[in-house]
Amino acid sequence: MEQKLNLGCGDDYRDGWVNADVRSEVSPDVVIDLDSLPLPFQDDTFDRILLDNVLEHTVDQLAVLRELHRVSELNAEITFRGPHWNSHGAWIDPTHTRPFSHKTFEHYLVADLFDVVQVSAKRIRFGRLLPPNIALKVADHIGQVVSEIEVTVRVRK
């Protein structure tokens, strides 16, 4: 049976998923603080994980990525959503510690953990006139072309 983790669920409670959040007031299945690892799950537990506007709030992204790898099965898919690093949304929220990029998952410290399988972007302003892959490239040089990114990775073991 597929095991799915909605990490940082907030108000997005999903049936059939383990819903986890740092805030007990949203009534998650499990209260988890990603700045206090390890996660309370066995190795190779999940085959699908969602972090929707979560990773940019963590203090040690590398430790979180390694821990997600630990609790994921081989070939599990993990989807990360968050503000594009070169957008206002990445910097105006005082709880953001640092943004991430689709290139984060290609960095040599985590490249052996994940394969990037899909990258998508929410294009804004003149970015809407560009094909998504071009908008992402332009957004790395000019702000306010892409507001959010979604990166799906496949876990390697």
Protein backbone atom coordinates (compact mmCIF):
# COMPACT_ATOMS: atom_id res chain seq x y z
CA MET A 1 0.00 0.00 0.00
CA GLU A 2 1.29 3.44 -0.91
CA GLN A 3 2.52 5.48 2.05
CA LYS A 4 2.29 9.24 1.51
CA LEU A 5 3.55 12.07 3.73
CA ASN A 6 2.19 15.62 3.57
CA LEU A 7 5.00 17.38 5.42
CA GLY A 8 4.07 20.86 6.57
CA CYS A 9 0.41 20.23 5.83
CA GLY A 10 -0.99 23.37 7.43
CA ASP A 11 -4.68 23.54 6.52
CA ASP A 12 -4.17 21.19 3.53
CA TYR A 13 -5.21 18.00 5.33
CA ARG A 14 -5.21 15.12 2.82
CA ASP A 15 -7.12 11.89 3.25
CA GLY A 16 -4.93 8.82 2.84
CA TRP A 17 -1.78 10.74 3.73
CA VAL A 18 0.19 11.11 6.95
CA ASN A 19 -0.33 14.83 7.58
CA ALA A 20 2.47 16.43 9.59
CA ASP A 21 3.03 20.01 10.70
CA VAL A 22 4.97 21.95 13.30
CA ARG A 23 1.74 23.64 14.47
CA SER A 24 -0.47 21.45 16.65
CA GLU A 25 -3.39 23.90 16.22
CA VAL A 26 -3.94 22.67 12.61
CA SER A 27 -4.59 19.16 14.03
CA PRO A 28 -2.01 17.18 12.03
CA ASP A 29 -1.66 13.44 12.43
CA VAL A 30 1.89 14.04 13.67
CA VAL A 31 3.54 17.18 15.05
CA ILE A 32 6.99 17.52 13.48
CA ASP A 33 9.61 20.25 13.69
CA LEU A 34 12.00 19.95 10.73
CA ASP A 35 14.62 21.79 12.73
CA SER A 36 14.62 18.93 15.27
CA LEU A 37 15.64 15.82 13.38
CA PRO A 38 15.46 12.86 12.98
CA LEU A 39 11.92 12.43 11.73
CA PRO A 40 9.85 9.94 13.76
CA PHE A 41 9.61 7.42 10.92
CA GLN A 42 11.44 4.22 10.02
CA ASP A 43 13.85 4.06 7.08
CA ASP A 44 12.24 3.51 3.66
CA THR A 45 8.69 4.28 4.85
CA PHE A 46 7.25 6.60 2.20
CA ASP A 47 6.89 6.36 -1.55
CA ARG A 48 5.50 9.86 -1.93
CA ILE A 49 6.22 13.06 0.03
CA LEU A 50 4.92 16.59 -0.45
CA LEU A 51 6.50 19.74 1.00
CA ASP A 52 4.35 22.70 -0.05
CA ASN A 53 6.08 25.94 0.95
CA VAL A 54 8.09 24.23 3.69
CA LEU A 55 11.77 23.76 2.75
CA GLU A 56 12.50 27.50 2.69
CA HIS A 57 11.50 27.67 6.39
CA THR A 58 14.09 25.14 7.56
CA VAL A 59 17.39 26.11 9.15
CA ASP A 60 19.45 23.23 7.72
CA GLN A 61 18.13 22.29 4.28
CA LEU A 62 20.89 19.76 3.70
CA ALA A 63 20.01 17.86 6.88
CA VAL A 64 16.31 17.91 5.92
CA LEU A 65 17.07 16.59 2.43
CA ARG A 66 19.19 13.77 3.84
CA GLU A 67 16.46 12.89 6.34
CA LEU A 68 13.80 12.86 3.60
CA HIS A 69 16.04 10.51 1.66
CA ARG A 70 16.30 8.22 4.71
CA VAL A 71 12.52 7.91 5.21
CA SER A 72 11.83 7.45 1.47
CA GLU A 73 11.76 4.18 -0.42
CA LEU A 74 13.82 3.64 -3.54
CA ASN A 75 12.18 5.52 -6.43
CA ALA A 76 9.89 7.47 -4.11
CA GLU A 77 8.82 10.85 -5.44
CA ILE A 78 9.21 13.99 -3.38
CA THR A 79 7.60 17.24 -4.52
CA PHE A 80 8.88 20.57 -3.24
CA ARG A 81 6.93 23.79 -3.80
CA GLY A 82 8.07 27.23 -2.80
CA PRO A 83 8.91 30.73 -3.88
CA HIS A 84 11.46 31.12 -6.66
CA TRP A 85 14.68 32.43 -5.13
CA ASN A 86 14.60 35.58 -7.29
CA SER A 87 11.05 36.64 -6.39
CA HIS A 88 9.68 38.96 -3.71
CA GLY A 89 7.99 36.00 -2.02
CA ALA A 90 11.32 34.41 -1.23
CA TRP A 91 12.51 37.41 0.76
CA ILE A 92 9.55 39.26 2.31
CA ASP A 93 8.45 36.46 4.66
CA PRO A 94 10.48 36.85 7.87
CA THR A 95 10.16 33.12 8.58
CA HIS A 96 12.03 32.14 5.42
CA THR A 97 15.59 31.14 6.26
CA ARG A 98 16.74 30.72 2.64
CA PRO A 99 15.15 29.95 -0.70
CA PHE A 100 15.85 26.91 -2.84
CA SER A 101 16.13 26.34 -6.55
CA HIS A 102 15.66 23.40 -8.89
CA LYS A 103 19.46 23.44 -9.00
CA THR A 104 19.60 22.76 -5.25
CA PHE A 105 18.87 19.11 -6.02
CA GLU A 106 21.74 18.92 -8.50
CA HIS A 107 24.32 20.16 -5.99
CA TYR A 108 27.12 17.67 -5.39
CA LEU A 109 26.12 17.19 -1.73
CA VAL A 110 22.71 15.79 -2.69
CA ALA A 111 23.06 14.81 -6.37
CA ASP A 112 23.62 11.17 -5.41
CA LEU A 113 20.36 11.17 -3.39
CA PHE A 114 17.88 12.42 -5.99
CA ASP A 115 17.15 12.65 -9.69
CA VAL A 116 15.16 15.71 -10.74
CA VAL A 117 12.22 14.41 -12.78
CA GLN A 118 10.10 17.54 -13.22
CA VAL A 119 10.38 21.28 -12.73
CA SER A 120 7.51 23.69 -13.21
CA ALA A 121 7.06 27.36 -12.50
CA LYS A 122 4.31 29.87 -11.86
CA ARG A 123 5.15 32.60 -14.32
CA ILE A 124 4.24 36.22 -13.63
CA ARG A 125 4.38 39.51 -15.50
CA PHE A 126 6.28 39.19 -18.76
CA GLY A 127 7.26 35.66 -17.75
CA ARG A 128 3.77 34.58 -18.83
CA LEU A 129 4.81 35.33 -22.40
CA LEU A 130 7.72 32.91 -22.22
CA PRO A 131 7.75 29.11 -22.43
CA PRO A 132 8.15 27.70 -18.89
CA ASN A 133 11.71 26.41 -19.38
CA ILE A 134 12.85 29.77 -20.79
CA ALA A 135 11.05 31.67 -18.01
CA LEU A 136 12.99 29.66 -15.41
CA LYS A 137 16.31 30.47 -17.08
CA VAL A 138 15.46 34.17 -17.40
CA ALA A 139 14.22 34.26 -13.78
CA ASP A 140 17.70 33.32 -12.58
CA HIS A 141 18.92 36.66 -13.98
CA ILE A 142 15.90 38.95 -13.79
CA GLY A 143 13.54 39.04 -10.82
CA GLN A 144 9.76 38.86 -10.93
CA VAL A 145 9.53 36.52 -13.93
CA VAL A 146 8.68 33.42 -11.88
CA SER A 147 7.03 33.61 -8.47
CA GLU A 148 6.98 29.94 -7.46
CA ILE A 149 8.62 26.71 -8.45
CA GLU A 150 7.69 23.08 -8.07
CA VAL A 151 10.41 20.46 -8.21
CA THR A 152 9.74 16.73 -8.17
CA VAL A 153 12.63 14.41 -7.48
CA ARG A 154 12.97 10.64 -7.52
CA VAL A 155 14.88 9.05 -4.66
CA ARG A 156 18.05 7.12 -5.44
CA LYS A 157 19.43 4.52 -3.02
